[in-house]
Amino acid sequence: MIAKKPICAYCHNAFNPSPFHPKQTICTSPDCQRRRRSDSHRKRIATDSDYHQACLESRKKWRDNHPGYQRSYRSKHEAYVEQNRRMQQQRNQKRQLALIVKNNLAIDLKRLPARVWMTGPGLEVIVKNNLAISQVMIFQTLGKSEGASLMRL
């Protein structure tokens, strides 16, 4: 009787398990083994606080022993620096938008049938904008709008 070969959980290919590990679920390909180790590491960090702390200390120790590594890497990899700069700008924009969403002004700007432009110094660091903006400009549209007939009443 021929035993059915197990299927790898990552690549979904059949493989011959090791005679020493008959319950093996991952094949021996380098990619699958790398994924297995990464998943195991991630799971252990999430469940074992001592292991998590040891990993943090290990990283800190390595950085302390290699103080110029990051600067050297960035000087040799300009494409990485440019990509990181673009991604950081996107993260900064998302962070700023999230802060603006927490804006609790008296006027609900979402219900106005107009566009709103915020101008002036210091807008890049708006933090939970609880104060009114010091200068407000209102422009009337030339076209007829739904709210115009209500305003005349």
Protein backbone atom coordinates (compact mmCIF):
# COMPACT_ATOMS: atom_id res chain seq x y z
CA MET A 1 0.00 0.00 0.00
CA ILE A 2 1.42 3.37 -1.05
CA ALA A 3 1.07 6.13 1.52
CA LYS A 4 -0.51 9.36 0.34
CA LYS A 5 2.00 12.22 0.19
CA PRO A 6 1.22 15.24 2.35
CA ILE A 7 0.50 18.61 0.73
CA CYS A 8 2.62 21.62 1.72
CA ALA A 9 0.58 24.25 3.57
CA TYR A 10 2.34 27.06 1.67
CA CYS A 11 3.02 25.98 -1.93
CA HIS A 12 0.28 23.28 -2.02
CA ASN A 13 2.60 20.75 -3.66
CA ALA A 14 2.89 17.14 -2.58
CA PHE A 15 6.19 16.23 -0.88
CA ASN A 16 7.96 13.35 0.86
CA PRO A 17 8.10 13.99 4.61
CA SER A 18 11.28 13.38 6.55
CA PRO A 19 11.44 9.90 8.09
CA PHE A 20 12.37 11.62 11.36
CA HIS A 21 9.30 13.91 11.21
CA PRO A 22 6.41 11.88 9.80
CA LYS A 23 3.86 14.60 10.73
CA GLN A 24 5.74 17.23 8.70
CA THR A 25 3.32 19.72 7.04
CA ILE A 26 5.75 22.00 5.20
CA CYS A 27 7.92 20.91 2.27
CA THR A 28 11.69 21.46 2.22
CA SER A 29 11.79 24.21 -0.42
CA PRO A 30 13.72 27.27 0.83
CA ASP A 31 10.77 29.63 0.25
CA CYS A 32 8.35 27.47 2.25
CA GLN A 33 10.86 26.97 5.05
CA ARG A 34 11.50 30.73 5.20
CA ARG A 35 7.75 31.36 5.48
CA ARG A 36 7.45 28.66 8.15
CA ARG A 37 10.22 30.25 10.24
CA SER A 38 8.76 33.76 9.81
CA ASP A 39 5.27 32.61 10.84
CA SER A 40 6.68 30.73 13.82
CA HIS A 41 8.72 33.76 14.88
CA ARG A 42 5.72 36.11 14.53
CA LYS A 43 3.48 33.74 16.50
CA ARG A 44 6.05 33.30 19.28
CA ILE A 45 6.56 37.07 19.61
CA ALA A 46 2.79 37.50 19.98
CA THR A 47 2.42 34.78 22.62
CA ASP A 48 5.72 34.74 24.56
CA SER A 49 6.52 38.05 26.29
CA ASP A 50 10.03 36.91 27.33
CA TYR A 51 10.89 36.00 23.74
CA HIS A 52 9.45 39.32 22.54
CA GLN A 53 11.61 41.24 25.04
CA ALA A 54 14.71 39.25 24.06
CA CYS A 55 14.12 40.13 20.38
CA LEU A 56 13.80 43.83 21.22
CA GLU A 57 16.99 43.77 23.28
CA SER A 58 18.82 41.89 20.53
CA ARG A 59 17.89 44.52 17.94
CA LYS A 60 18.94 47.34 20.27
CA LYS A 61 22.26 45.61 20.99
CA TRP A 62 22.95 45.19 17.25
CA ARG A 63 22.14 48.86 16.54
CA ASP A 64 24.42 49.94 19.40
CA ASN A 65 27.24 47.79 17.96
CA HIS A 66 26.72 49.19 14.41
CA PRO A 67 26.05 52.92 14.95
CA GLY A 68 26.76 54.10 11.38
CA TYR A 69 24.94 51.32 9.53
CA GLN A 70 21.73 53.21 8.70
CA ARG A 71 23.57 56.29 7.43
CA SER A 72 25.90 54.13 5.34
CA TYR A 73 22.99 52.12 3.88
CA ARG A 74 21.09 55.27 2.90
CA SER A 75 24.15 56.77 1.22
CA LYS A 76 24.56 53.63 -0.91
CA HIS A 77 20.87 53.10 -1.77
CA GLU A 78 19.41 56.30 -3.19
CA ALA A 79 16.30 54.56 -4.56
CA TYR A 80 15.46 53.34 -1.04
CA VAL A 81 15.85 56.85 0.34
CA GLU A 82 13.57 58.32 -2.33
CA GLN A 83 10.91 55.64 -1.85
CA ASN A 84 11.05 56.07 1.92
CA ARG A 85 10.69 59.85 1.51
CA ARG A 86 7.57 59.43 -0.66
CA MET A 87 6.04 56.91 1.71
CA GLN A 88 6.79 59.14 4.73
CA GLN A 89 5.04 62.05 3.01
CA GLN A 90 1.99 59.83 2.47
CA ARG A 91 2.05 58.73 6.12
CA ASN A 92 2.31 62.37 7.21
CA GLN A 93 -0.66 63.35 5.01
CA LYS A 94 -2.77 60.51 6.44
CA ARG A 95 -1.83 61.55 9.97
CA GLN A 96 -2.76 65.18 9.26
CA LEU A 97 -6.09 64.16 7.73
CA ALA A 98 -6.84 61.98 10.74
CA LEU A 99 -6.22 64.96 13.00
CA ILE A 100 -8.47 67.21 10.91
CA VAL A 101 -11.25 64.61 11.12
CA LYS A 102 -11.18 65.06 14.90
CA ASN A 103 -12.00 68.73 14.31
CA ASN A 104 -14.95 69.73 16.46
CA LEU A 105 -15.90 73.12 15.08
CA ALA A 106 -19.47 74.28 15.55
CA ILE A 107 -20.18 74.19 11.79
CA ASP A 108 -20.56 70.80 10.18
CA LEU A 109 -18.50 71.37 7.02
CA LYS A 110 -19.69 68.10 5.50
CA ARG A 111 -23.20 69.50 4.98
CA LEU A 112 -22.22 72.73 3.25
CA PRO A 113 -22.70 72.67 -0.55
CA ALA A 114 -19.34 74.38 -0.98
CA ARG A 115 -15.67 73.67 -1.16
CA VAL A 116 -13.52 74.64 1.79
CA TRP A 117 -9.90 75.76 1.50
CA MET A 118 -7.88 76.28 4.60
CA THR A 119 -5.01 78.72 4.23
CA GLY A 120 -2.51 80.36 6.49
CA PRO A 121 0.62 79.59 8.47
CA GLY A 122 0.75 76.59 10.78
CA LEU A 123 -1.88 74.45 9.05
CA GLU A 124 0.60 71.61 8.60
CA VAL A 125 0.52 71.01 12.35
CA ILE A 126 -3.21 71.23 13.07
CA VAL A 127 -3.82 69.18 16.18
CA LYS A 128 -7.42 68.58 17.21
CA ASN A 129 -8.41 71.98 15.85
CA ASN A 130 -10.70 73.22 18.62
CA LEU A 131 -10.38 76.89 17.76
CA ALA A 132 -11.94 78.86 14.95
CA ILE A 133 -9.66 79.72 12.05
CA SER A 134 -8.60 83.35 12.32
CA GLN A 135 -9.60 84.29 8.78
CA VAL A 136 -12.66 83.02 6.93
CA MET A 137 -13.41 83.88 3.32
CA ILE A 138 -16.84 83.12 1.85
CA PHE A 139 -17.30 83.17 -1.90
CA GLN A 140 -20.76 83.08 -3.41
CA THR A 141 -21.15 80.86 -6.44
CA LEU A 142 -22.46 82.35 -9.68
CA GLY A 143 -24.75 79.44 -10.47
CA LYS A 144 -28.12 78.78 -8.87
CA SER A 145 -27.92 76.33 -5.96
CA GLU A 146 -30.50 74.46 -3.91
CA GLY A 147 -29.75 76.48 -0.80
CA ALA A 148 -30.18 79.83 -2.58
CA SER A 149 -33.99 79.60 -2.67
CA LEU A 150 -34.09 78.74 1.02
CA MET A 151 -31.88 81.72 1.87
CA ARG A 152 -34.36 84.18 0.28
CA LEU A 153 -37.24 83.13 2.54
